[in-house]
Amino acid sequence: MLEPIQWALNHMPPSADAWLSVLALPEVDRARAFHRSFPQYTVTPLARLDRMAAHLGLGSLCVKDESYRFGLNAFKVLGGSFAMARYIAQETGRDVADMSYAYLTSPELRADFGQATFFTATDGNHGRGVAWAANRLGQKAVVHMPKGSTQTRFENIAKEGAQVTIEDVNYDDCVRMAAAEAAATPHGVIIQDTAWEGYEEIPAWIMQGYGTMAGEAAEQFQEYGLDRPTHIFVQAGVGSLAGAVVGYFSNLYPDNPPKFVVMEAQAADCLYRGAAAGDGNPRIVTGDLQTIMAGLACGEPNTIGWDILRNHATAFLSCPDWVSALGMRMLAAPVKGDPPVTSGESGAVGMGVLAAILQGDTYRDLREALELNEHSRVLLFSTEGDTDPDKYKDIVWNGAYQTV
């Protein structure tokens, strides 16, 4: 018998909502202008799955496909690169608007700023993005990965010239390791997409970088003639991505926001546990955090993301691994006529959740609470492609993590 999806509607008392302004539209516009300056920049596709929507009983279903982002097969580079630009702008007394790709790769930048060492912890995608950006911008990167990280993801980071290790600790302990090393290194700085008291400026910049993806998706939705999404499903590790997406769309549609559904791996469901407790305080999950959704295997919430989600999310879901595996297979082979989407373990959980909620009566109460029906216009974010090709094939081709 399958482990069920667990869910909690958001009944938490609101806070002062002080962090929503991090994702104000002008702030995201600055990040988008920065990313457009990269010669590698293109808008990633928004796959329109009309036939899948009809099959599931929805009005429309669109999936933002981040497997095309900068050739890195994942969205994470958006955050790390913009945070680096903001940090360098601050250190040189300049505006981030001056931090174009051309300037950041110029001899002038080396004269103005010199060289920093950017430290980070990662399951793979964030570290690869930081390493890639550091490599392009002539900076240094040191990356620590938690135990269980795959060799493929390790090698992808090493190829970018970073110093990279796999440690015998979980993700959250890797974060602490990276922070300590950065503090002890001249011109060292930690670029991490989680936040804690005293470390919030750089995570806020990273979340603004993620806003580029949300802004593109909103415009593409309009271009398809779909108006605004009624429902957005977004996955969460520490909650930086979820906070960025929810924050951006809450600012974009302040009078009529979509319903936001936040999804986590069951092995690391700190946000869900906080929502289930209902008191507004975050919760922490410890241990090895073993899940196929490596990008979501984070047990300590980002304080900024948590505050945004506490005020604006509709529901929080804790998802077993079979949910993601189901989503991967459905996106790889959708209803005939729809475009396939190559979505990795941390990217496909939204598709699996939708299928589970909309098919059968197991989650009827959740379906009704979310008001998912034939009028719903749903937006999903496939945040990575096949970043571990062997595992991807094992799940999609060989049927690992079956749902029956």
Protein backbone atom coordinates (compact mmCIF):
# COMPACT_ATOMS: atom_id res chain seq x y z
CA MET A 1 0.00 0.00 0.00
CA LEU A 2 1.31 3.42 -0.97
CA GLU A 3 2.25 6.00 1.61
CA PRO A 4 -0.35 8.76 1.30
CA ILE A 5 0.24 12.41 0.51
CA GLN A 6 -0.28 14.37 3.71
CA TRP A 7 -1.71 17.85 3.55
CA ALA A 8 -2.58 20.84 5.68
CA LEU A 9 -4.55 23.91 4.73
CA ASN A 10 -3.01 27.16 5.88
CA HIS A 11 -4.67 28.32 9.08
CA MET A 12 -1.60 30.02 10.51
CA PRO A 13 -1.94 33.51 12.02
CA PRO A 14 -0.47 36.11 9.65
CA SER A 15 2.70 38.01 10.45
CA ALA A 16 3.46 41.60 9.51
CA ASP A 17 4.42 40.26 6.04
CA ALA A 18 7.60 42.31 6.08
CA TRP A 19 9.43 40.15 3.52
CA LEU A 20 6.89 40.31 0.68
CA SER A 21 8.54 43.49 -0.61
CA VAL A 22 11.66 41.44 -1.45
CA LEU A 23 9.70 40.17 -4.46
CA ALA A 24 8.22 43.55 -5.41
CA LEU A 25 7.88 43.82 -9.18
CA PRO A 26 10.63 46.48 -9.62
CA GLU A 27 13.08 44.26 -7.70
CA VAL A 28 12.34 41.30 -9.97
CA ASP A 29 12.62 43.55 -13.02
CA ARG A 30 16.20 44.38 -11.98
CA ALA A 31 17.05 40.70 -11.78
CA ARG A 32 15.51 40.06 -15.19
CA ALA A 33 17.50 42.90 -16.74
CA PHE A 34 20.68 41.38 -15.30
CA HIS A 35 19.93 37.92 -16.67
CA ARG A 36 19.09 39.33 -20.11
CA SER A 37 22.63 40.71 -20.32
CA PHE A 38 24.05 37.16 -20.46
CA PRO A 39 24.77 35.90 -23.99
CA GLN A 40 23.47 32.49 -22.84
CA TYR A 41 20.07 33.91 -21.86
CA THR A 42 16.87 32.73 -23.50
CA VAL A 43 13.35 32.50 -22.10
CA THR A 44 12.70 28.88 -21.15
CA PRO A 45 9.61 27.20 -22.64
CA LEU A 46 6.20 27.13 -21.01
CA ALA A 47 4.81 23.77 -22.13
CA ARG A 48 1.07 23.93 -22.68
CA LEU A 49 -0.53 20.56 -21.89
CA ASP A 50 -4.08 21.10 -23.12
CA ARG A 51 -4.86 17.44 -23.61
CA MET A 52 -3.51 16.50 -20.22
CA ALA A 53 -5.64 19.26 -18.72
CA ALA A 54 -8.75 17.82 -20.39
CA HIS A 55 -7.81 14.32 -19.23
CA LEU A 56 -7.52 15.50 -15.63
CA GLY A 57 -10.59 17.72 -15.74
CA LEU A 58 -8.83 21.10 -15.70
CA GLY A 59 -9.34 24.19 -17.81
CA SER A 60 -5.64 24.46 -18.67
CA LEU A 61 -2.27 23.17 -17.51
CA CYS A 62 1.10 24.78 -18.21
CA VAL A 63 4.56 23.62 -17.12
CA LYS A 64 7.57 25.96 -17.02
CA ASP A 65 10.45 23.84 -18.36
CA GLU A 66 13.72 24.85 -16.69
CA SER A 67 15.74 22.07 -18.30
CA TYR A 68 16.72 24.69 -20.91
CA ARG A 69 18.10 27.31 -18.48
CA PHE A 70 21.57 28.50 -19.57
CA GLY A 71 22.41 24.97 -20.71
CA LEU A 72 22.58 23.87 -17.05
CA ASN A 73 19.42 21.73 -16.95
CA ALA A 74 18.00 23.57 -13.91
CA PHE A 75 16.75 26.98 -12.75
CA LYS A 76 19.11 27.49 -9.80
CA VAL A 77 21.72 29.56 -11.65
CA LEU A 78 19.24 32.44 -11.72
CA GLY A 79 19.57 32.98 -8.00
CA GLY A 80 23.26 32.45 -7.46
CA SER A 81 24.35 34.62 -10.38
CA PHE A 82 22.17 37.56 -9.36
CA ALA A 83 23.31 37.33 -5.75
CA MET A 84 26.93 37.47 -6.93
CA ALA A 85 26.13 40.57 -8.99
CA ARG A 86 24.42 42.28 -6.03
CA TYR A 87 27.32 41.41 -3.75
CA ILE A 88 29.91 42.77 -6.20
CA ALA A 89 27.81 45.91 -6.75
CA GLN A 90 27.68 46.48 -3.00
CA GLU A 91 31.40 45.89 -2.55
CA THR A 92 32.30 48.31 -5.36
CA GLY A 93 29.75 50.99 -4.44
CA ARG A 94 27.86 50.62 -7.70
CA ASP A 95 24.27 49.91 -8.64
CA VAL A 96 23.33 46.40 -9.73
CA ALA A 97 22.09 47.95 -12.97
CA ASP A 98 25.77 48.45 -13.80
CA MET A 99 26.51 44.75 -13.26
CA SER A 100 26.06 43.53 -16.81
CA TYR A 101 27.68 40.33 -18.01
CA ALA A 102 30.07 42.42 -20.09
CA TYR A 103 31.25 44.40 -17.05
CA LEU A 104 31.47 41.38 -14.75
CA THR A 105 33.74 39.57 -17.23
CA SER A 106 35.91 42.62 -17.97
CA PRO A 107 39.43 43.61 -16.82
CA GLU A 108 37.73 46.67 -15.27
CA LEU A 109 35.86 44.42 -12.83
CA ARG A 110 39.08 42.69 -11.79
CA ALA A 111 40.62 46.09 -11.11
CA ASP A 112 37.55 47.36 -9.23
CA PHE A 113 36.80 44.23 -7.23
CA GLY A 114 39.55 41.64 -7.49
CA GLN A 115 38.59 38.05 -6.86
CA ALA A 116 36.31 36.52 -4.22
CA THR A 117 35.72 32.94 -3.18
CA PHE A 118 32.05 31.99 -3.18
CA PHE A 119 31.15 29.14 -0.84
CA THR A 120 27.95 27.13 -1.00
CA ALA A 121 26.26 23.86 -0.07
CA THR A 122 24.16 21.98 -2.60
CA ASP A 123 22.54 18.74 -3.69
CA GLY A 124 23.73 19.61 -7.20
CA ASN A 125 21.77 22.27 -9.06
CA HIS A 126 22.47 25.33 -6.91
CA GLY A 127 26.15 24.45 -6.60
CA ARG A 128 26.48 23.92 -10.32
CA GLY A 129 24.88 27.31 -10.92
CA VAL A 130 27.23 29.03 -8.47
CA ALA A 131 30.25 27.25 -9.95
CA TRP A 132 29.16 28.13 -13.50
CA ALA A 133 28.65 31.79 -12.68
CA ALA A 134 31.93 32.03 -10.75
CA ASN A 135 33.75 30.40 -13.66
CA ARG A 136 32.24 32.79 -16.21
CA LEU A 137 32.92 35.83 -14.04
CA GLY A 138 36.51 34.92 -13.16
CA GLN A 139 35.75 34.22 -9.49
CA LYS A 140 36.43 31.18 -7.28
CA ALA A 141 33.87 28.68 -5.95
CA VAL A 142 33.96 26.08 -3.18
CA VAL A 143 31.02 23.66 -3.07
CA HIS A 144 30.08 21.09 -0.42
CA MET A 145 27.56 18.33 -1.17
CA PRO A 146 25.72 16.14 1.37
CA LYS A 147 26.16 12.40 1.68
CA GLY A 148 24.22 10.48 -0.93
CA SER A 149 24.97 13.03 -3.66
CA THR A 150 25.44 11.42 -7.06
CA GLN A 151 28.73 11.29 -8.93
CA THR A 152 27.13 12.82 -12.03
CA ARG A 153 26.10 15.95 -10.13
CA PHE A 154 29.53 16.10 -8.46
CA GLU A 155 31.29 15.94 -11.84
CA ASN A 156 29.04 18.62 -13.37
CA ILE A 157 30.15 21.02 -10.63
CA ALA A 158 33.82 20.03 -10.85
CA LYS A 159 33.75 20.66 -14.62
CA GLU A 160 33.10 24.33 -13.88
CA GLY A 161 36.41 24.61 -12.04
CA ALA A 162 35.01 24.67 -8.51
CA GLN A 163 36.60 22.96 -5.53
CA VAL A 164 33.88 20.41 -4.68
CA THR A 165 33.51 17.73 -2.01
CA ILE A 166 30.89 15.21 -0.90
CA GLU A 167 30.68 15.29 2.89
CA ASP A 168 29.39 12.63 5.29
CA VAL A 169 26.67 14.93 6.65
CA ASN A 170 23.23 16.12 5.51
CA TYR A 171 22.47 19.28 3.52
CA ASP A 172 21.86 21.55 6.50
CA ASP A 173 25.20 20.57 8.07
CA CYS A 174 26.89 21.27 4.73
CA VAL A 175 25.42 24.77 4.87
CA ARG A 176 26.97 25.32 8.29
CA MET A 177 30.30 24.02 6.99
CA ALA A 178 30.27 26.38 4.01
CA ALA A 179 29.32 29.35 6.20
CA ALA A 180 32.17 28.66 8.63
CA GLU A 181 34.73 28.33 5.84
CA ALA A 182 33.54 31.53 4.17
CA ALA A 183 33.87 33.43 7.44
CA ALA A 184 37.45 32.20 7.83
CA THR A 185 38.53 33.00 4.26
CA PRO A 186 39.77 36.43 3.13
CA HIS A 187 37.28 37.80 0.58
CA GLY A 188 35.11 34.73 1.20
CA VAL A 189 31.33 34.91 1.03
CA ILE A 190 28.60 32.32 1.33
CA ILE A 191 26.02 32.25 -1.47
CA GLN A 192 23.23 30.15 0.01
CA ASP A 193 19.53 30.08 -0.81
CA THR A 194 18.51 29.50 2.76
CA ALA A 195 18.28 32.27 5.36
CA TRP A 196 18.66 32.47 9.10
CA GLU A 197 18.82 35.29 11.60
CA GLY A 198 21.75 37.47 10.62
CA TYR A 199 22.02 35.98 7.12
CA GLU A 200 19.15 37.32 5.06
CA GLU A 201 20.46 39.83 2.53
CA ILE A 202 22.08 37.35 0.13
CA PRO A 203 19.18 34.84 0.31
CA ALA A 204 16.82 37.71 -0.52
CA TRP A 205 18.90 38.50 -3.59
CA ILE A 206 18.84 34.84 -4.62
CA MET A 207 15.04 34.81 -4.35
CA GLN A 208 14.87 37.92 -6.53
CA GLY A 209 16.95 36.03 -9.11
CA TYR A 210 14.40 33.22 -9.06
CA GLY A 211 11.81 35.87 -9.83
CA THR A 212 13.09 35.91 -13.42
CA MET A 213 11.55 32.47 -13.95
CA ALA A 214 8.25 33.53 -12.36
CA GLY A 215 8.12 36.72 -14.41
CA GLU A 216 8.73 34.85 -17.65
CA ALA A 217 5.98 32.35 -16.79
CA ALA A 218 3.47 35.10 -16.03
CA GLU A 219 4.11 36.76 -19.37
CA GLN A 220 3.93 33.47 -21.26
CA PHE A 221 0.62 32.67 -19.57
CA GLN A 222 -0.73 35.98 -20.85
CA GLU A 223 0.68 35.34 -24.33
CA TYR A 224 -1.27 32.06 -24.43
CA GLY A 225 -4.45 34.05 -23.76
CA LEU A 226 -4.97 32.32 -20.41
CA ASP A 227 -5.16 35.49 -18.28
CA ARG A 228 -3.79 34.62 -14.82
CA PRO A 229 -3.25 31.22 -13.22
CA THR A 230 -5.93 30.26 -10.72
CA HIS A 231 -3.63 27.71 -9.07
CA ILE A 232 0.17 27.54 -8.78
CA PHE A 233 1.84 24.38 -7.49
CA VAL A 234 5.44 24.94 -6.42
CA GLN A 235 7.91 22.62 -4.73
CA ALA A 236 9.99 23.52 -1.70
CA GLY A 237 13.24 22.51 -0.08
CA VAL A 238 14.18 25.34 2.26
CA GLY A 239 11.39 27.40 0.69
CA SER A 240 13.40 29.94 -1.31
CA LEU A 241 11.91 28.98 -4.66
CA ALA A 242 8.41 28.64 -3.22
CA GLY A 243 8.72 31.96 -1.41
CA ALA A 244 9.97 33.64 -4.58
CA VAL A 245 7.15 32.29 -6.76
CA VAL A 246 4.44 32.94 -4.18
CA GLY A 247 5.87 36.36 -3.39
CA TYR A 248 6.10 37.40 -7.03
CA PHE A 249 2.58 36.34 -7.97
CA SER A 250 1.14 37.81 -4.76
CA ASN A 251 2.66 41.15 -5.78
CA LEU A 252 1.57 40.74 -9.40
CA TYR A 253 -2.06 39.97 -8.49
CA PRO A 254 -2.53 41.61 -5.07
CA ASP A 255 -6.32 41.81 -5.36
CA ASN A 256 -6.92 38.34 -6.79
CA PRO A 257 -3.94 36.05 -6.18
CA PRO A 258 -3.89 32.43 -7.33
CA LYS A 259 -4.21 29.61 -4.83
CA PHE A 260 -0.70 28.51 -3.93
CA VAL A 261 0.07 24.86 -3.14
CA VAL A 262 3.50 24.16 -1.63
CA MET A 263 4.88 20.62 -2.03
CA GLU A 264 7.76 18.98 -0.16
CA ALA A 265 9.49 15.62 -0.06
CA GLN A 266 8.05 13.65 2.85
CA ALA A 267 11.55 12.96 4.18
CA ALA A 268 12.20 16.69 4.64
CA ASP A 269 8.75 18.24 5.13
CA CYS A 270 9.64 21.07 7.50
CA LEU A 271 7.20 23.57 5.96
CA TYR A 272 4.31 21.11 6.05
CA ARG A 273 5.02 20.37 9.71
CA GLY A 274 4.96 24.05 10.50
CA ALA A 275 1.66 24.49 8.69
CA ALA A 276 0.16 21.42 10.39
CA ALA A 277 1.15 22.81 13.80
CA GLY A 278 -0.67 26.00 12.86
CA ASP A 279 1.07 28.39 15.24
CA GLY A 280 3.12 30.24 12.65
CA ASN A 281 6.45 28.98 13.93
CA PRO A 282 8.77 27.05 11.61
CA ARG A 283 9.71 23.44 12.27
CA ILE A 284 12.98 21.58 11.61
CA VAL A 285 13.45 18.03 10.28
CA THR A 286 16.72 16.30 11.09
CA GLY A 287 18.42 13.07 10.01
CA ASP A 288 19.63 11.81 6.66
CA LEU A 289 16.64 13.21 4.69
CA GLN A 290 16.78 10.37 2.15
CA THR A 291 14.53 10.96 -0.86
CA ILE A 292 14.83 10.76 -4.63
CA MET A 293 13.91 14.47 -4.61
CA ALA A 294 17.48 15.47 -3.73
CA GLY A 295 16.86 19.14 -4.49
CA LEU A 296 14.12 19.20 -1.85
CA ALA A 297 16.05 17.33 0.86
CA CYS A 298 16.37 20.31 3.21
CA GLY A 299 15.12 20.19 6.77
CA GLU A 300 15.53 23.79 7.97
CA PRO A 301 13.32 26.52 6.46
CA ASN A 302 14.52 29.75 4.92
CA THR A 303 13.17 32.38 7.33
CA ILE A 304 12.28 34.76 4.49
CA GLY A 305 10.51 32.11 2.44
CA TRP A 306 8.68 30.78 5.50
CA ASP A 307 7.32 34.23 6.33
CA ILE A 308 6.02 34.77 2.78
CA LEU A 309 4.47 31.29 2.64
CA ARG A 310 2.92 31.64 6.09
CA ASN A 311 1.04 34.69 4.85
CA HIS A 312 0.13 33.65 1.31
CA ALA A 313 0.21 29.88 0.72
CA THR A 314 -3.11 28.04 0.54
CA ALA A 315 -1.96 24.52 1.39
CA PHE A 316 1.17 22.54 2.23
CA LEU A 317 1.70 18.96 1.00
CA SER A 318 4.13 16.28 2.18
CA CYS A 319 4.84 13.93 -0.74
CA PRO A 320 6.32 10.41 -0.79
CA ASP A 321 8.79 9.56 -3.55
CA TRP A 322 6.21 7.74 -5.69
CA VAL A 323 4.49 11.08 -6.33
CA SER A 324 7.54 12.51 -8.05
CA ALA A 325 8.17 9.30 -10.02
CA LEU A 326 4.58 9.35 -11.29
CA GLY A 327 4.98 12.97 -12.36
CA MET A 328 8.23 12.22 -14.20
CA ARG A 329 6.58 9.48 -16.24
CA MET A 330 3.49 11.53 -17.03
CA LEU A 331 5.51 14.51 -18.22
CA ALA A 332 7.85 12.31 -20.27
CA ALA A 333 4.90 10.66 -22.04
CA PRO A 334 1.88 12.98 -21.76
CA VAL A 335 -1.41 12.70 -23.62
CA LYS A 336 -0.83 12.40 -27.36
CA GLY A 337 -0.48 15.82 -28.93
CA ASP A 338 1.02 17.50 -25.87
CA PRO A 339 4.76 18.27 -25.78
CA PRO A 340 6.85 15.98 -23.56
CA VAL A 341 8.82 17.54 -20.72
CA THR A 342 12.03 15.97 -19.41
CA SER A 343 11.58 16.58 -15.70
CA GLY A 344 13.86 15.30 -12.93
CA GLU A 345 13.00 14.02 -9.48
CA SER A 346 12.71 17.46 -7.88
CA GLY A 347 10.97 18.97 -10.91
CA ALA A 348 8.05 16.63 -11.49
CA VAL A 349 6.39 16.40 -8.09
CA GLY A 350 3.71 18.91 -9.10
CA MET A 351 2.54 16.74 -11.98
CA GLY A 352 2.35 13.72 -9.69
CA VAL A 353 0.42 15.67 -7.08
CA LEU A 354 -2.10 16.92 -9.63
CA ALA A 355 -2.69 13.41 -10.95
CA ALA A 356 -3.19 12.03 -7.45
CA ILE A 357 -5.57 14.79 -6.40
CA LEU A 358 -7.68 14.78 -9.55
CA GLN A 359 -7.97 11.05 -10.22
CA GLY A 360 -10.08 8.95 -7.88
CA ASP A 361 -11.53 9.81 -4.50
CA THR A 362 -8.52 9.39 -2.22
CA TYR A 363 -7.87 13.13 -2.13
CA ARG A 364 -11.38 14.37 -2.85
CA ASP A 365 -11.41 16.57 0.26
CA LEU A 366 -8.19 18.28 -0.84
CA ARG A 367 -9.48 18.68 -4.40
CA GLU A 368 -12.63 20.34 -3.10
CA ALA A 369 -10.76 22.51 -0.63
CA LEU A 370 -8.54 23.79 -3.45
CA GLU A 371 -11.52 24.20 -5.80
CA LEU A 372 -9.74 22.37 -8.60
CA ASN A 373 -12.18 21.87 -11.46
CA GLU A 374 -12.80 22.35 -15.16
CA HIS A 375 -12.36 26.12 -14.77
CA SER A 376 -8.93 25.91 -13.14
CA ARG A 377 -5.86 27.26 -14.92
CA VAL A 378 -2.86 25.54 -13.34
CA LEU A 379 0.82 26.51 -13.49
CA LEU A 380 3.62 24.09 -12.53
CA PHE A 381 7.39 24.62 -12.42
CA SER A 382 9.61 21.80 -13.66
CA THR A 383 12.72 23.09 -11.99
CA GLU A 384 15.20 20.58 -13.41
CA GLY A 385 15.67 18.15 -16.25
CA ASP A 386 17.49 14.82 -16.10
CA THR A 387 20.31 16.09 -13.88
CA ASP A 388 21.00 12.47 -12.89
CA PRO A 389 20.51 10.69 -16.24
CA ASP A 390 20.86 7.16 -14.89
CA LYS A 391 18.28 7.67 -12.16
CA TYR A 392 15.98 9.42 -14.63
CA LYS A 393 16.08 6.41 -16.96
CA ASP A 394 15.59 4.01 -14.07
CA ILE A 395 12.40 5.80 -13.08
CA VAL A 396 10.97 6.70 -16.49
CA TRP A 397 12.13 3.70 -18.51
CA ASN A 398 12.40 0.96 -15.91
CA GLY A 399 9.49 1.91 -13.69
CA ALA A 400 11.31 2.44 -10.39
CA TYR A 401 9.11 3.74 -7.55
CA GLN A 402 5.93 2.30 -9.01
CA THR A 403 2.57 3.60 -7.80
CA VAL A 404 0.94 0.14 -7.72
